[in-house]
Amino acid sequence: MTVLDATPAPFSALIRRASHAQHEAAHDSSFMDDLLGGRLGVGSFRRYTEQLWFVYRALERPAGALAEDPVAGPFVRPELFRVPSLERDLDHLHGGADWRAAVAPLPATGRYTERIAEVAEGWPGGYVAHHYTRYLGDLSGGQVVRNVAEKTWGLARRGDGVRFYVFDAVPNPAAFKREYRAALDAIAVDHAERERIVEECRLAFELNITLLRELAAGEE
């Protein structure tokens, strides 16, 4: 029996349920645990933000080409785009705008971005899986990271350094997430393709967990 055969629940609920274990593992990683517990310095937060910059560039570069795609198009929402905010944050965290030549993706980040680029090129459903795991997570759990960053390292509330977590163009996140999940439920793919998307969601979480592990290793 497949995950989609097990229950007539909406597709969005099945995705959330199928990736629950990986989602919890990401939140329980030692790096995130130490970051949220205030046991790491602002340099660690900066390193994390740098890696997110690579990930979100990979997600947003193909957005224009996918905007009219019947599967991925409904999820290409400019109000979600994070790269400009990440760059503003990194300007602040580095004390200037000359950081681009100095930062590099971790090996795990490279694998993560390569997978995003691969599915964006040839598999819109796979792109949706990565889009879902990143953006909905940041609309929800990302706010915890923002609060910790503001309190622990004295960053201005909703200001430079944490703008990545501030979705100014999404005034009602709860309503937006309901709309997003409705789009998942209505996604224009068949049963087998929905199974593939669920599996890609699991992979997306695993890629993120590996990235967090490499960040943790850098703290040792």
N, C-alpha and C. Protein backbone atom coordinates (compact mmCIF):
# COMPACT_ATOMS: atom_id res chain seq x y z
N MET A 1 0.86 -1.20 0.00
CA MET A 1 0.00 0.00 0.00
C MET A 1 0.89 1.24 0.00
N THR A 2 0.62 2.19 -0.86
CA THR A 2 1.40 3.42 -0.93
C THR A 2 0.83 4.44 0.03
N VAL A 3 1.61 5.53 0.23
CA VAL A 3 1.14 6.58 1.13
C VAL A 3 -0.15 7.21 0.63
N LEU A 4 -0.35 7.22 -0.69
CA LEU A 4 -1.56 7.84 -1.23
C LEU A 4 -2.76 6.90 -1.18
N ASP A 5 -2.49 5.60 -1.07
CA ASP A 5 -3.59 4.64 -0.97
C ASP A 5 -4.10 4.52 0.46
N ALA A 6 -3.27 4.92 1.41
CA ALA A 6 -3.58 4.64 2.81
C ALA A 6 -4.75 5.44 3.33
N THR A 7 -5.04 6.57 2.75
CA THR A 7 -6.07 7.46 3.27
C THR A 7 -6.54 8.39 2.19
N PRO A 8 -7.79 8.82 2.22
CA PRO A 8 -8.28 9.77 1.23
C PRO A 8 -7.99 11.22 1.61
N ALA A 9 -7.07 11.44 2.54
CA ALA A 9 -6.75 12.79 2.99
C ALA A 9 -6.25 13.64 1.83
N PRO A 10 -6.37 14.96 1.92
CA PRO A 10 -5.86 15.85 0.87
C PRO A 10 -4.36 15.63 0.64
N PHE A 11 -3.93 15.92 -0.58
CA PHE A 11 -2.52 15.72 -0.94
C PHE A 11 -1.59 16.52 -0.02
N SER A 12 -1.96 17.74 0.32
CA SER A 12 -1.11 18.56 1.19
C SER A 12 -0.92 17.88 2.55
N ALA A 13 -1.95 17.24 3.06
CA ALA A 13 -1.84 16.55 4.34
C ALA A 13 -0.96 15.31 4.21
N LEU A 14 -1.04 14.63 3.09
CA LEU A 14 -0.22 13.45 2.86
C LEU A 14 1.25 13.81 2.77
N ILE A 15 1.55 14.92 2.09
CA ILE A 15 2.94 15.37 2.00
C ILE A 15 3.47 15.68 3.40
N ARG A 16 2.69 16.39 4.17
CA ARG A 16 3.13 16.77 5.52
C ARG A 16 3.34 15.52 6.37
N ARG A 17 2.43 14.57 6.27
CA ARG A 17 2.53 13.35 7.06
C ARG A 17 3.71 12.50 6.63
N ALA A 18 3.91 12.37 5.32
CA ALA A 18 4.96 11.50 4.80
C ALA A 18 6.35 12.01 5.14
N SER A 19 6.50 13.32 5.28
CA SER A 19 7.83 13.89 5.55
C SER A 19 7.98 14.30 7.01
N HIS A 20 7.06 13.85 7.87
CA HIS A 20 7.08 14.31 9.26
C HIS A 20 8.37 13.94 9.97
N ALA A 21 8.84 12.71 9.78
CA ALA A 21 10.04 12.27 10.50
C ALA A 21 11.25 13.11 10.11
N GLN A 22 11.41 13.37 8.79
CA GLN A 22 12.54 14.18 8.35
C GLN A 22 12.41 15.62 8.84
N HIS A 23 11.19 16.11 8.87
CA HIS A 23 10.95 17.47 9.35
C HIS A 23 11.39 17.60 10.80
N GLU A 24 11.05 16.62 11.63
CA GLU A 24 11.45 16.65 13.03
C GLU A 24 12.96 16.52 13.16
N ALA A 25 13.58 15.69 12.32
CA ALA A 25 15.02 15.51 12.39
C ALA A 25 15.75 16.81 12.05
N ALA A 26 15.22 17.56 11.09
CA ALA A 26 15.84 18.85 10.74
C ALA A 26 15.80 19.80 11.92
N HIS A 27 14.66 19.86 12.59
CA HIS A 27 14.52 20.77 13.73
C HIS A 27 15.36 20.30 14.92
N ASP A 28 15.60 18.99 15.01
CA ASP A 28 16.33 18.45 16.15
C ASP A 28 17.83 18.29 15.88
N SER A 29 18.32 18.80 14.76
CA SER A 29 19.74 18.69 14.46
C SER A 29 20.56 19.42 15.51
N SER A 30 21.78 18.98 15.74
CA SER A 30 22.60 19.61 16.77
C SER A 30 22.90 21.06 16.43
N PHE A 31 23.09 21.37 15.14
CA PHE A 31 23.37 22.76 14.77
C PHE A 31 22.18 23.65 15.10
N MET A 32 20.98 23.25 14.69
CA MET A 32 19.81 24.08 14.97
C MET A 32 19.53 24.13 16.47
N ASP A 33 19.76 23.02 17.15
CA ASP A 33 19.54 23.00 18.59
C ASP A 33 20.46 23.99 19.29
N ASP A 34 21.73 24.01 18.89
CA ASP A 34 22.68 24.94 19.50
C ASP A 34 22.41 26.38 19.08
N LEU A 35 22.01 26.57 17.83
CA LEU A 35 21.71 27.92 17.35
C LEU A 35 20.52 28.49 18.10
N LEU A 36 19.44 27.71 18.18
CA LEU A 36 18.23 28.19 18.85
C LEU A 36 18.41 28.28 20.36
N GLY A 37 19.36 27.52 20.88
CA GLY A 37 19.62 27.57 22.32
C GLY A 37 20.57 28.69 22.72
N GLY A 38 21.02 29.48 21.75
CA GLY A 38 21.91 30.59 22.05
C GLY A 38 23.32 30.19 22.37
N ARG A 39 23.70 28.96 21.98
CA ARG A 39 25.04 28.47 22.30
C ARG A 39 26.06 28.73 21.19
N LEU A 40 25.61 29.33 20.10
CA LEU A 40 26.50 29.66 19.00
C LEU A 40 26.55 31.17 18.81
N GLY A 41 27.64 31.63 18.23
CA GLY A 41 27.80 33.06 18.01
C GLY A 41 27.17 33.51 16.71
N VAL A 42 27.22 34.81 16.50
CA VAL A 42 26.62 35.37 15.30
C VAL A 42 27.34 34.89 14.04
N GLY A 43 28.61 34.49 14.17
CA GLY A 43 29.33 33.95 13.03
C GLY A 43 28.70 32.68 12.51
N SER A 44 28.19 31.86 13.40
CA SER A 44 27.51 30.62 12.98
C SER A 44 26.21 30.95 12.27
N PHE A 45 25.50 31.94 12.78
CA PHE A 45 24.28 32.39 12.12
C PHE A 45 24.60 32.94 10.73
N ARG A 46 25.70 33.64 10.60
CA ARG A 46 26.11 34.15 9.29
C ARG A 46 26.43 33.00 8.33
N ARG A 47 27.12 31.98 8.81
CA ARG A 47 27.46 30.84 7.97
C ARG A 47 26.19 30.14 7.48
N TYR A 48 25.23 30.00 8.35
CA TYR A 48 23.95 29.40 7.99
C TYR A 48 23.26 30.24 6.92
N THR A 49 23.27 31.55 7.10
CA THR A 49 22.63 32.45 6.14
C THR A 49 23.31 32.37 4.78
N GLU A 50 24.62 32.24 4.78
CA GLU A 50 25.35 32.10 3.51
C GLU A 50 24.89 30.87 2.74
N GLN A 51 24.73 29.76 3.45
CA GLN A 51 24.31 28.53 2.76
C GLN A 51 22.88 28.65 2.25
N LEU A 52 22.03 29.32 3.00
CA LEU A 52 20.67 29.56 2.51
C LEU A 52 20.67 30.39 1.24
N TRP A 53 21.59 31.32 1.13
CA TRP A 53 21.69 32.14 -0.08
C TRP A 53 21.90 31.27 -1.31
N PHE A 54 22.78 30.29 -1.21
CA PHE A 54 23.01 29.39 -2.35
C PHE A 54 21.75 28.58 -2.67
N VAL A 55 21.08 28.10 -1.64
CA VAL A 55 19.88 27.28 -1.85
C VAL A 55 18.77 28.09 -2.52
N TYR A 56 18.55 29.30 -2.03
CA TYR A 56 17.45 30.09 -2.58
C TYR A 56 17.76 30.67 -3.95
N ARG A 57 19.02 30.89 -4.24
CA ARG A 57 19.36 31.27 -5.62
C ARG A 57 19.00 30.13 -6.57
N ALA A 58 19.27 28.89 -6.15
CA ALA A 58 18.92 27.74 -6.98
C ALA A 58 17.41 27.62 -7.16
N LEU A 59 16.65 27.93 -6.12
CA LEU A 59 15.19 27.86 -6.21
C LEU A 59 14.60 28.97 -7.08
N GLU A 60 15.17 30.15 -7.01
CA GLU A 60 14.55 31.30 -7.65
C GLU A 60 15.06 31.60 -9.05
N ARG A 61 16.23 31.10 -9.42
CA ARG A 61 16.73 31.32 -10.77
C ARG A 61 15.77 30.79 -11.84
N PRO A 62 15.22 29.58 -11.68
CA PRO A 62 14.34 29.05 -12.74
C PRO A 62 12.89 29.49 -12.62
N ALA A 63 12.57 30.34 -11.66
CA ALA A 63 11.17 30.68 -11.41
C ALA A 63 10.49 31.30 -12.63
N GLY A 64 11.19 32.19 -13.32
CA GLY A 64 10.59 32.82 -14.49
C GLY A 64 10.24 31.82 -15.57
N ALA A 65 11.13 30.86 -15.80
CA ALA A 65 10.89 29.86 -16.83
C ALA A 65 9.75 28.92 -16.46
N LEU A 66 9.48 28.77 -15.16
CA LEU A 66 8.45 27.84 -14.70
C LEU A 66 7.12 28.53 -14.41
N ALA A 67 7.07 29.84 -14.54
CA ALA A 67 5.87 30.58 -14.13
C ALA A 67 4.62 30.16 -14.89
N GLU A 68 4.77 29.74 -16.14
CA GLU A 68 3.62 29.35 -16.95
C GLU A 68 3.42 27.84 -17.00
N ASP A 69 4.24 27.11 -16.28
CA ASP A 69 4.10 25.66 -16.28
C ASP A 69 2.82 25.26 -15.53
N PRO A 70 2.03 24.33 -16.06
CA PRO A 70 0.77 23.98 -15.39
C PRO A 70 0.95 23.33 -14.02
N VAL A 71 2.08 22.71 -13.79
CA VAL A 71 2.33 22.06 -12.50
C VAL A 71 3.04 23.02 -11.53
N ALA A 72 4.16 23.57 -11.94
CA ALA A 72 4.95 24.42 -11.05
C ALA A 72 4.45 25.85 -11.00
N GLY A 73 3.83 26.31 -12.07
CA GLY A 73 3.44 27.71 -12.18
C GLY A 73 2.62 28.25 -11.01
N PRO A 74 1.61 27.50 -10.52
CA PRO A 74 0.81 28.03 -9.41
C PRO A 74 1.60 28.30 -8.13
N PHE A 75 2.82 27.76 -8.04
CA PHE A 75 3.61 27.93 -6.83
C PHE A 75 4.69 29.00 -6.97
N VAL A 76 4.86 29.51 -8.18
CA VAL A 76 5.84 30.57 -8.41
C VAL A 76 5.21 31.89 -7.98
N ARG A 77 5.52 32.30 -6.79
CA ARG A 77 4.90 33.47 -6.19
C ARG A 77 5.99 34.48 -5.82
N PRO A 78 6.11 35.57 -6.56
CA PRO A 78 7.17 36.55 -6.28
C PRO A 78 7.18 37.07 -4.85
N GLU A 79 6.02 37.08 -4.18
CA GLU A 79 6.00 37.58 -2.82
C GLU A 79 6.78 36.68 -1.85
N LEU A 80 7.13 35.49 -2.30
CA LEU A 80 7.93 34.59 -1.48
C LEU A 80 9.43 34.76 -1.68
N PHE A 81 9.85 35.37 -2.76
CA PHE A 81 11.26 35.38 -3.13
C PHE A 81 12.12 35.91 -1.98
N ARG A 82 13.21 35.19 -1.71
CA ARG A 82 14.04 35.48 -0.55
C ARG A 82 15.43 35.99 -0.88
N VAL A 83 15.90 35.84 -2.09
CA VAL A 83 17.29 36.19 -2.40
C VAL A 83 17.61 37.66 -2.09
N PRO A 84 16.79 38.64 -2.49
CA PRO A 84 17.13 40.02 -2.13
C PRO A 84 17.25 40.24 -0.62
N SER A 85 16.38 39.61 0.15
CA SER A 85 16.45 39.76 1.60
C SER A 85 17.69 39.08 2.16
N LEU A 86 18.04 37.92 1.64
CA LEU A 86 19.25 37.24 2.09
C LEU A 86 20.49 38.08 1.79
N GLU A 87 20.52 38.71 0.64
CA GLU A 87 21.68 39.53 0.30
C GLU A 87 21.77 40.76 1.19
N ARG A 88 20.65 41.33 1.53
CA ARG A 88 20.66 42.46 2.46
C ARG A 88 21.13 42.01 3.84
N ASP A 89 20.68 40.84 4.26
CA ASP A 89 21.12 40.30 5.54
C ASP A 89 22.62 40.06 5.55
N LEU A 90 23.14 39.50 4.47
CA LEU A 90 24.56 39.20 4.42
C LEU A 90 25.41 40.47 4.32
N ASP A 91 24.90 41.48 3.64
CA ASP A 91 25.60 42.77 3.67
C ASP A 91 25.78 43.24 5.11
N HIS A 92 24.73 43.10 5.89
CA HIS A 92 24.78 43.54 7.29
C HIS A 92 25.68 42.64 8.13
N LEU A 93 25.53 41.33 7.98
CA LEU A 93 26.28 40.40 8.81
C LEU A 93 27.77 40.40 8.48
N HIS A 94 28.12 40.76 7.23
CA HIS A 94 29.53 40.84 6.84
C HIS A 94 30.09 42.25 7.00
N GLY A 95 29.22 43.21 7.28
CA GLY A 95 29.70 44.58 7.43
C GLY A 95 30.04 45.25 6.12
N GLY A 96 29.44 44.78 5.03
CA GLY A 96 29.71 45.36 3.72
C GLY A 96 29.19 44.45 2.63
N ALA A 97 29.30 44.91 1.39
CA ALA A 97 28.72 44.17 0.26
C ALA A 97 29.74 43.37 -0.54
N ASP A 98 30.94 43.16 0.01
CA ASP A 98 31.99 42.48 -0.75
C ASP A 98 32.17 41.02 -0.35
N TRP A 99 31.12 40.42 0.20
CA TRP A 99 31.22 39.06 0.71
C TRP A 99 31.08 37.98 -0.36
N ARG A 100 30.52 38.31 -1.51
CA ARG A 100 30.18 37.27 -2.51
C ARG A 100 31.39 36.46 -2.97
N ALA A 101 32.51 37.11 -3.12
CA ALA A 101 33.71 36.40 -3.58
C ALA A 101 34.32 35.54 -2.48
N ALA A 102 33.92 35.78 -1.25
CA ALA A 102 34.54 35.07 -0.12
C ALA A 102 33.74 33.87 0.36
N VAL A 103 32.47 33.77 0.00
CA VAL A 103 31.64 32.68 0.50
C VAL A 103 31.60 31.54 -0.51
N ALA A 104 31.42 30.34 -0.02
CA ALA A 104 31.37 29.17 -0.89
C ALA A 104 30.36 28.17 -0.32
N PRO A 105 29.72 27.41 -1.20
CA PRO A 105 28.78 26.41 -0.70
C PRO A 105 29.52 25.25 -0.06
N LEU A 106 28.97 24.73 1.02
CA LEU A 106 29.46 23.48 1.57
C LEU A 106 29.18 22.35 0.58
N PRO A 107 29.89 21.22 0.67
CA PRO A 107 29.59 20.11 -0.23
C PRO A 107 28.11 19.71 -0.20
N ALA A 108 27.51 19.68 0.98
CA ALA A 108 26.09 19.33 1.09
C ALA A 108 25.23 20.36 0.39
N THR A 109 25.59 21.62 0.50
CA THR A 109 24.84 22.68 -0.18
C THR A 109 24.96 22.52 -1.68
N GLY A 110 26.15 22.15 -2.16
CA GLY A 110 26.33 21.93 -3.59
C GLY A 110 25.44 20.81 -4.10
N ARG A 111 25.35 19.72 -3.35
CA ARG A 111 24.48 18.62 -3.77
C ARG A 111 23.01 19.05 -3.76
N TYR A 112 22.66 19.82 -2.75
CA TYR A 112 21.29 20.32 -2.60
C TYR A 112 20.92 21.21 -3.80
N THR A 113 21.77 22.16 -4.12
CA THR A 113 21.47 23.07 -5.22
C THR A 113 21.50 22.37 -6.57
N GLU A 114 22.36 21.39 -6.70
CA GLU A 114 22.39 20.62 -7.96
C GLU A 114 21.09 19.86 -8.16
N ARG A 115 20.55 19.31 -7.09
CA ARG A 115 19.29 18.59 -7.21
C ARG A 115 18.15 19.54 -7.56
N ILE A 116 18.13 20.70 -6.94
CA ILE A 116 17.09 21.68 -7.27
C ILE A 116 17.18 22.07 -8.74
N ALA A 117 18.39 22.34 -9.22
CA ALA A 117 18.57 22.72 -10.62
C ALA A 117 18.15 21.60 -11.56
N GLU A 118 18.44 20.37 -11.17
CA GLU A 118 18.09 19.21 -11.99
C GLU A 118 16.57 19.09 -12.17
N VAL A 119 15.84 19.17 -11.07
CA VAL A 119 14.38 19.01 -11.18
C VAL A 119 13.75 20.23 -11.83
N ALA A 120 14.30 21.41 -11.58
CA ALA A 120 13.75 22.61 -12.21
C ALA A 120 13.87 22.53 -13.72
N GLU A 121 14.91 21.87 -14.20
CA GLU A 121 15.14 21.76 -15.64
C GLU A 121 14.22 20.74 -16.30
N GLY A 122 13.93 19.63 -15.61
CA GLY A 122 13.21 18.58 -16.30
C GLY A 122 12.04 17.95 -15.58
N TRP A 123 11.74 18.41 -14.37
CA TRP A 123 10.65 17.77 -13.63
C TRP A 123 9.95 18.80 -12.74
N PRO A 124 8.92 19.46 -13.24
CA PRO A 124 8.22 20.49 -12.47
C PRO A 124 7.68 20.00 -11.13
N GLY A 125 7.20 18.76 -11.07
CA GLY A 125 6.70 18.23 -9.81
C GLY A 125 7.78 18.15 -8.76
N GLY A 126 8.99 17.80 -9.16
CA GLY A 126 10.11 17.76 -8.24
C GLY A 126 10.46 19.15 -7.73
N TYR A 127 10.35 20.13 -8.62
CA TYR A 127 10.59 21.52 -8.19
C TYR A 127 9.58 21.93 -7.13
N VAL A 128 8.32 21.54 -7.32
CA VAL A 128 7.29 21.86 -6.33
C VAL A 128 7.64 21.25 -4.97
N ALA A 129 8.19 20.04 -4.97
CA ALA A 129 8.55 19.40 -3.71
C ALA A 129 9.58 20.23 -2.94
N HIS A 130 10.58 20.73 -3.64
CA HIS A 130 11.61 21.54 -2.98
C HIS A 130 11.06 22.90 -2.58
N HIS A 131 10.21 23.46 -3.41
CA HIS A 131 9.58 24.75 -3.12
C HIS A 131 8.76 24.64 -1.83
N TYR A 132 7.99 23.60 -1.72
CA TYR A 132 7.14 23.39 -0.54
C TYR A 132 7.98 23.24 0.73
N THR A 133 9.00 22.39 0.68
CA THR A 133 9.77 22.12 1.90
C THR A 133 10.51 23.36 2.40
N ARG A 134 10.91 24.25 1.50
CA ARG A 134 11.63 25.44 1.93
C ARG A 134 10.69 26.56 2.36
N TYR A 135 9.83 27.00 1.45
CA TYR A 135 9.09 28.23 1.72
C TYR A 135 8.06 28.07 2.84
N LEU A 136 7.33 26.97 2.87
CA LEU A 136 6.36 26.82 3.95
C LEU A 136 7.05 26.66 5.29
N GLY A 137 8.20 26.02 5.28
CA GLY A 137 8.95 25.90 6.52
C GLY A 137 9.43 27.25 7.03
N ASP A 138 9.85 28.11 6.13
CA ASP A 138 10.35 29.41 6.55
C ASP A 138 9.23 30.34 7.00
N LEU A 139 8.06 30.17 6.41
CA LEU A 139 6.92 30.96 6.87
C LEU A 139 6.50 30.57 8.29
N SER A 140 6.82 29.35 8.68
CA SER A 140 6.41 28.85 9.99
C SER A 140 7.59 28.85 10.95
N GLY A 141 8.38 27.79 10.91
CA GLY A 141 9.47 27.64 11.86
C GLY A 141 10.55 28.69 11.77
N GLY A 142 10.68 29.32 10.60
CA GLY A 142 11.70 30.34 10.47
C GLY A 142 11.52 31.50 11.42
N GLN A 143 10.31 31.73 11.85
CA GLN A 143 10.07 32.84 12.77
C GLN A 143 10.71 32.60 14.13
N VAL A 144 10.88 31.34 14.50
CA VAL A 144 11.58 31.02 15.74
C VAL A 144 13.04 31.44 15.62
N VAL A 145 13.64 31.14 14.48
CA VAL A 145 15.04 31.52 14.26
C VAL A 145 15.18 33.04 14.32
N ARG A 146 14.27 33.75 13.70
CA ARG A 146 14.32 35.22 13.71
C ARG A 146 14.29 35.76 15.14
N ASN A 147 13.37 35.25 15.94
CA ASN A 147 13.26 35.73 17.32
C ASN A 147 14.54 35.49 18.10
N VAL A 148 15.14 34.32 17.92
CA VAL A 148 16.39 34.01 18.62
C VAL A 148 17.50 34.93 18.15
N ALA A 149 17.60 35.15 16.85
CA ALA A 149 18.66 36.00 16.31
C ALA A 149 18.55 37.42 16.84
N GLU A 150 17.34 37.92 16.91
CA GLU A 150 17.15 39.28 17.42
C GLU A 150 17.55 39.40 18.88
N LYS A 151 17.18 38.42 19.67
CA LYS A 151 17.44 38.48 21.11
C LYS A 151 18.88 38.12 21.46
N THR A 152 19.46 37.16 20.74
CA THR A 152 20.78 36.66 21.10
C THR A 152 21.90 37.55 20.59
N TRP A 153 21.77 38.06 19.38
CA TRP A 153 22.86 38.83 18.79
C TRP A 153 22.53 40.31 18.59
N GLY A 154 21.45 40.74 19.18
CA GLY A 154 21.13 42.16 19.16
C GLY A 154 20.76 42.71 17.80
N LEU A 155 20.27 41.87 16.92
CA LEU A 155 19.85 42.35 15.61
C LEU A 155 18.52 43.08 15.75
N ALA A 156 18.36 44.13 14.98
CA ALA A 156 17.14 44.94 15.07
C ALA A 156 15.92 44.09 14.72
N ARG A 157 14.84 44.32 15.43
CA ARG A 157 13.62 43.56 15.21
C ARG A 157 13.15 43.73 13.76
N ARG A 158 13.07 42.61 13.05
CA ARG A 158 12.64 42.57 11.66
C ARG A 158 13.53 43.42 10.75
N GLY A 159 14.77 43.67 11.18
CA GLY A 159 15.67 44.53 10.42
C GLY A 159 16.75 43.77 9.70
N ASP A 160 17.77 44.49 9.24
CA ASP A 160 18.87 43.87 8.51
C ASP A 160 19.52 42.80 9.37
N GLY A 161 19.78 41.68 8.75
CA GLY A 161 20.31 40.51 9.44
C GLY A 161 19.28 39.42 9.58
N VAL A 162 17.99 39.80 9.66
CA VAL A 162 16.92 38.80 9.79
C VAL A 162 15.81 39.04 8.76
N ARG A 163 16.08 39.83 7.75
CA ARG A 163 15.02 40.13 6.77
C ARG A 163 14.58 38.90 5.98
N PHE A 164 15.44 37.91 5.90
CA PHE A 164 15.07 36.65 5.24
C PHE A 164 13.79 36.07 5.83
N TYR A 165 13.61 36.25 7.13
CA TYR A 165 12.47 35.66 7.83
C TYR A 165 11.24 36.56 7.85
N VAL A 166 11.36 37.74 7.27
CA VAL A 166 10.27 38.71 7.31
C VAL A 166 9.62 38.76 5.93
N PHE A 167 8.43 38.20 5.82
CA PHE A 167 7.71 38.14 4.55
C PHE A 167 6.77 39.34 4.46
N ASP A 168 7.33 40.49 4.15
CA ASP A 168 6.52 41.72 4.10
C ASP A 168 5.40 41.63 3.08
N ALA A 169 5.63 40.88 2.00
CA ALA A 169 4.64 40.78 0.93
C ALA A 169 3.58 39.72 1.22
N VAL A 170 3.67 39.09 2.37
CA VAL A 170 2.67 38.09 2.79
C VAL A 170 2.06 38.58 4.10
N PRO A 171 1.09 39.49 4.04
CA PRO A 171 0.57 40.10 5.27
C PRO A 171 -0.17 39.13 6.18
N ASN A 172 -0.70 38.05 5.60
CA ASN A 172 -1.43 37.07 6.41
C ASN A 172 -0.86 35.69 6.14
N PRO A 173 0.22 35.31 6.83
CA PRO A 173 0.85 34.01 6.56
C PRO A 173 -0.09 32.82 6.69
N ALA A 174 -0.99 32.83 7.67
CA ALA A 174 -1.90 31.70 7.86
C ALA A 174 -2.80 31.54 6.65
N ALA A 175 -3.35 32.64 6.15
CA ALA A 175 -4.20 32.57 4.96
C ALA A 175 -3.39 32.14 3.74
N PHE A 176 -2.17 32.63 3.64
CA PHE A 176 -1.32 32.26 2.51
C PHE A 176 -1.04 30.76 2.52
N LYS A 177 -0.74 30.21 3.70
CA LYS A 177 -0.45 28.79 3.78
C LYS A 177 -1.68 27.95 3.44
N ARG A 178 -2.84 28.42 3.81
CA ARG A 178 -4.06 27.70 3.41
C ARG A 178 -4.21 27.71 1.89
N GLU A 179 -3.93 28.85 1.28
CA GLU A 179 -4.02 28.95 -0.18
C GLU A 179 -2.98 28.06 -0.85
N TYR A 180 -1.79 28.01 -0.29
CA TYR A 180 -0.72 27.19 -0.84
C TYR A 180 -1.11 25.71 -0.77
N ARG A 181 -1.65 25.31 0.37
CA ARG A 181 -2.04 23.90 0.52
C ARG A 181 -3.20 23.55 -0.41
N ALA A 182 -4.08 24.51 -0.65
CA ALA A 182 -5.17 24.28 -1.61
C ALA A 182 -4.60 24.06 -3.00
N ALA A 183 -3.53 24.79 -3.34
CA ALA A 183 -2.89 24.60 -4.64
C ALA A 183 -2.24 23.22 -4.72
N LEU A 184 -1.66 22.76 -3.63
CA LEU A 184 -1.11 21.39 -3.61
C LEU A 184 -2.23 20.37 -3.83
N ASP A 185 -3.34 20.56 -3.17
CA ASP A 185 -4.44 19.61 -3.30
C ASP A 185 -4.98 19.56 -4.73
N ALA A 186 -4.83 20.68 -5.44
CA ALA A 186 -5.37 20.77 -6.81
C ALA A 186 -4.29 20.57 -7.87
N ILE A 187 -3.10 20.16 -7.47
CA ILE A 187 -1.99 20.06 -8.42
C ILE A 187 -2.36 19.15 -9.60
N ALA A 188 -1.98 19.59 -10.79
CA ALA A 188 -2.41 18.93 -12.02
C ALA A 188 -1.51 17.76 -12.40
N VAL A 189 -1.48 16.73 -11.52
CA VAL A 189 -0.70 15.52 -11.81
C VAL A 189 -1.51 14.31 -11.37
N ASP A 190 -1.12 13.15 -11.89
CA ASP A 190 -1.86 11.93 -11.57
C ASP A 190 -1.34 11.29 -10.28
N HIS A 191 -1.94 10.17 -9.93
CA HIS A 191 -1.63 9.46 -8.68
C HIS A 191 -0.15 9.10 -8.59
N ALA A 192 0.40 8.52 -9.65
CA ALA A 192 1.80 8.10 -9.63
C ALA A 192 2.73 9.29 -9.45
N GLU A 193 2.42 10.39 -10.11
CA GLU A 193 3.26 11.58 -9.99
C GLU A 193 3.19 12.17 -8.59
N ARG A 194 2.04 12.08 -7.96
CA ARG A 194 1.95 12.56 -6.57
C ARG A 194 2.84 11.73 -5.66
N GLU A 195 2.91 10.44 -5.91
CA GLU A 195 3.82 9.59 -5.14
C GLU A 195 5.26 10.05 -5.31
N ARG A 196 5.64 10.37 -6.55
CA ARG A 196 7.01 10.83 -6.81
C ARG A 196 7.29 12.15 -6.09
N ILE A 197 6.33 13.03 -6.07
CA ILE A 197 6.51 14.32 -5.39
C ILE A 197 6.70 14.11 -3.89
N VAL A 198 5.92 13.21 -3.32
CA VAL A 198 6.07 12.90 -1.89
C VAL A 198 7.49 12.41 -1.61
N GLU A 199 8.00 11.52 -2.46
CA GLU A 199 9.35 10.99 -2.26
C GLU A 199 10.39 12.10 -2.40
N GLU A 200 10.16 13.03 -3.32
CA GLU A 200 11.11 14.13 -3.49
C GLU A 200 11.08 15.06 -2.29
N CYS A 201 9.93 15.21 -1.66
CA CYS A 201 9.86 15.98 -0.42
C CYS A 201 10.73 15.35 0.65
N ARG A 202 10.68 14.05 0.74
CA ARG A 202 11.54 13.36 1.71
C ARG A 202 13.01 13.62 1.39
N LEU A 203 13.36 13.55 0.10
CA LEU A 203 14.74 13.80 -0.29
C LEU A 203 15.15 15.24 0.04
N ALA A 204 14.25 16.19 -0.20
CA ALA A 204 14.56 17.58 0.10
C ALA A 204 14.88 17.76 1.57
N PHE A 205 14.11 17.12 2.43
CA PHE A 205 14.39 17.20 3.86
C PHE A 205 15.73 16.56 4.19
N GLU A 206 16.04 15.43 3.56
CA GLU A 206 17.31 14.77 3.82
C GLU A 206 18.49 15.64 3.38
N LEU A 207 18.35 16.31 2.25
CA LEU A 207 19.41 17.20 1.79
C LEU A 207 19.62 18.35 2.77
N ASN A 208 18.54 18.86 3.30
CA ASN A 208 18.64 19.93 4.29
C ASN A 208 19.29 19.44 5.58
N ILE A 209 18.92 18.23 6.02
CA ILE A 209 19.51 17.66 7.23
C ILE A 209 21.02 17.48 7.06
N THR A 210 21.44 17.02 5.89
CA THR A 210 22.87 16.84 5.63
C THR A 210 23.60 18.17 5.66
N LEU A 211 22.97 19.20 5.13
CA LEU A 211 23.54 20.54 5.19
C LEU A 211 23.74 20.98 6.64
N LEU A 212 22.74 20.76 7.47
CA LEU A 212 22.84 21.13 8.88
C LEU A 212 23.94 20.34 9.59
N ARG A 213 24.11 19.08 9.21
CA ARG A 213 25.17 18.27 9.81
C ARG A 213 26.55 18.84 9.46
N GLU A 214 26.70 19.27 8.22
CA GLU A 214 27.99 19.84 7.83
C GLU A 214 28.25 21.17 8.54
N LEU A 215 27.21 21.96 8.74
CA LEU A 215 27.37 23.18 9.52
C LEU A 215 27.78 22.84 10.96
N ALA A 216 27.17 21.81 11.53
CA ALA A 216 27.53 21.40 12.88
C ALA A 216 28.98 20.94 12.95
N ALA A 217 29.42 20.20 11.94
CA ALA A 217 30.79 19.72 11.91
C ALA A 217 31.78 20.87 11.88
N GLY A 218 31.39 21.96 11.25
CA GLY A 218 32.25 23.13 11.19
C GLY A 218 32.39 23.85 12.51
N GLU A 219 31.52 23.51 13.47
CA GLU A 219 31.59 24.13 14.80
C GLU A 219 32.51 23.35 15.74
N GLU A 220 32.93 22.17 15.32
CA GLU A 220 33.72 21.31 16.21
C GLU A 220 35.20 21.70 16.20
